[in-house]
Amino acid sequence: MELSKTQKILLGIFTFLPFFIFPFIFWQLFDAILNIVKISEHGEPEPREILIEVFAFIFPIGMLAFCSLALLIFYIVHAVINKKLQPAEQLLWVLLFIFLGIIAFPVYWVIRVWNNSNNP
């Protein structure tokens, strides 16, 4: 599968995106906990108030899960149909994708996608 430079850059952005979303999710979670504590100081909080705080960090988690699943599928397919890889290396990459997930994606992107020469 040959990708254009623009496609490689877009894939790289989506590959590194989880590393920027994680701190945002942790910040949202911490902020939600502080807001719930602040709301509960004035008595029992309304369920609606708690749900608003919960959805503030649930939505980014859902987007991260969707992005990670899409990347997992793409990278497994890319590694399997990549003719420049030996079968043992293909198997190794697939296992790394399955067990290490988003940690293996940037490594593969740098080694096998971005630095991919057009020569077979």
Protein backbone atom coordinates (compact mmCIF):
# COMPACT_ATOMS: atom_id res chain seq x y z
CA MET A 1 0.00 0.00 0.00
CA GLU A 2 1.63 3.19 -1.20
CA LEU A 3 0.62 6.39 0.60
CA SER A 4 1.14 9.94 -0.59
CA LYS A 5 3.04 12.38 1.60
CA THR A 6 -0.22 14.09 2.62
CA GLN A 7 -1.74 10.73 3.60
CA LYS A 8 1.39 9.88 5.60
CA ILE A 9 1.18 13.20 7.45
CA LEU A 10 -2.53 12.73 8.23
CA LEU A 11 -1.87 9.19 9.40
CA GLY A 12 0.97 10.49 11.58
CA ILE A 13 -1.33 13.10 13.15
CA PHE A 14 -3.92 10.43 14.00
CA THR A 15 -1.15 8.11 15.22
CA PHE A 16 0.23 10.64 17.70
CA LEU A 17 -3.19 12.09 18.63
CA PRO A 18 -3.80 9.67 21.55
CA PHE A 19 -0.66 10.95 23.27
CA PHE A 20 -2.17 14.44 23.27
CA ILE A 21 -5.69 13.31 24.19
CA PHE A 22 -4.58 11.36 27.30
CA PRO A 23 -3.47 14.46 29.27
CA PHE A 24 -6.71 16.20 28.25
CA ILE A 25 -8.76 13.26 29.53
CA PHE A 26 -6.90 13.22 32.85
CA TRP A 27 -7.40 16.97 33.19
CA GLN A 28 -11.13 16.59 32.42
CA LEU A 29 -11.42 13.76 34.98
CA PHE A 30 -9.63 15.76 37.68
CA ASP A 31 -11.73 18.84 36.88
CA ALA A 32 -14.95 16.79 36.99
CA ILE A 33 -14.06 15.36 40.40
CA LEU A 34 -13.31 18.83 41.76
CA ASN A 35 -16.57 20.21 40.34
CA ILE A 36 -18.61 17.36 41.82
CA VAL A 37 -17.00 17.93 45.21
CA LYS A 38 -17.70 21.66 44.89
CA ILE A 39 -21.34 21.02 43.93
CA SER A 40 -21.83 18.55 46.80
CA GLU A 41 -20.68 21.10 49.40
CA HIS A 42 -24.10 22.77 49.10
CA GLY A 43 -26.03 19.57 49.69
CA GLU A 44 -26.92 16.57 47.59
CA PRO A 45 -26.05 17.27 43.93
CA GLU A 46 -28.63 16.78 41.21
CA PRO A 47 -28.09 13.72 39.00
CA ARG A 48 -28.13 16.04 35.97
CA GLU A 49 -25.17 18.01 37.35
CA ILE A 50 -23.17 14.83 37.89
CA LEU A 51 -23.99 13.51 34.41
CA ILE A 52 -22.81 16.75 32.83
CA GLU A 53 -19.46 16.38 34.58
CA VAL A 54 -19.18 12.69 33.65
CA PHE A 55 -19.96 13.28 29.97
CA ALA A 56 -17.23 15.93 29.86
CA PHE A 57 -14.59 13.20 30.03
CA ILE A 58 -16.56 10.23 28.66
CA PHE A 59 -16.81 11.79 25.18
CA PRO A 60 -12.99 12.16 24.72
CA ILE A 61 -12.54 8.60 25.99
CA GLY A 62 -15.01 7.35 23.38
CA MET A 63 -13.25 9.30 20.63
CA LEU A 64 -9.89 7.91 21.77
CA ALA A 65 -11.25 4.37 21.74
CA PHE A 66 -12.69 4.82 18.24
CA CYS A 67 -9.44 6.35 16.96
CA SER A 68 -7.36 3.55 18.51
CA LEU A 69 -9.57 0.84 17.02
CA ALA A 70 -9.41 2.44 13.57
CA LEU A 71 -5.62 2.73 13.83
CA LEU A 72 -5.33 -0.89 14.99
CA ILE A 73 -7.28 -2.11 11.99
CA PHE A 74 -5.37 0.11 9.56
CA TYR A 75 -1.92 -0.84 10.85
CA ILE A 76 -2.66 -4.57 10.94
CA VAL A 77 -3.93 -4.45 7.36
CA HIS A 78 -0.95 -2.31 6.29
CA ALA A 79 1.56 -4.67 7.89
CA VAL A 80 -0.07 -7.76 6.40
CA ILE A 81 -0.22 -6.44 2.83
CA ASN A 82 3.19 -4.72 2.97
CA LYS A 83 5.27 -6.69 0.46
CA LYS A 84 8.52 -5.22 1.82
CA LEU A 85 8.13 -7.13 5.09
CA GLN A 86 9.13 -10.72 5.61
CA PRO A 87 6.36 -12.99 6.97
CA ALA A 88 8.07 -13.22 10.36
CA GLU A 89 8.28 -9.43 10.60
CA GLN A 90 4.64 -9.12 9.57
CA LEU A 91 3.67 -11.47 12.38
CA LEU A 92 5.87 -9.56 14.83
CA TRP A 93 4.24 -6.23 13.92
CA VAL A 94 0.72 -7.66 14.19
CA LEU A 95 1.51 -9.07 17.64
CA LEU A 96 3.04 -5.75 18.71
CA PHE A 97 -0.06 -3.91 17.51
CA ILE A 98 -2.34 -6.28 19.41
CA PHE A 99 -0.39 -6.31 22.68
CA LEU A 100 1.16 -2.83 22.76
CA GLY A 101 -1.48 -0.92 20.81
CA ILE A 102 -0.92 2.81 20.61
CA ILE A 103 2.70 2.45 21.75
CA ALA A 104 3.60 0.36 18.69
CA PHE A 105 1.72 2.56 16.19
CA PRO A 106 4.18 5.49 16.22
CA VAL A 107 7.16 3.14 15.96
CA TYR A 108 5.69 1.43 12.90
CA TRP A 109 4.68 4.78 11.41
CA VAL A 110 8.21 6.16 11.68
CA ILE A 111 9.99 2.99 10.53
CA ARG A 112 7.63 1.58 7.90
CA VAL A 113 5.39 4.43 6.74
CA TRP A 114 7.22 7.76 7.01
CA ASN A 115 10.69 6.46 6.18
CA ASN A 116 9.34 4.17 3.46
CA SER A 117 11.35 4.56 0.30
CA ASN A 118 9.63 4.03 -3.04
CA ASN A 119 12.21 1.43 -4.02
CA PRO A 120 11.07 -2.17 -3.42
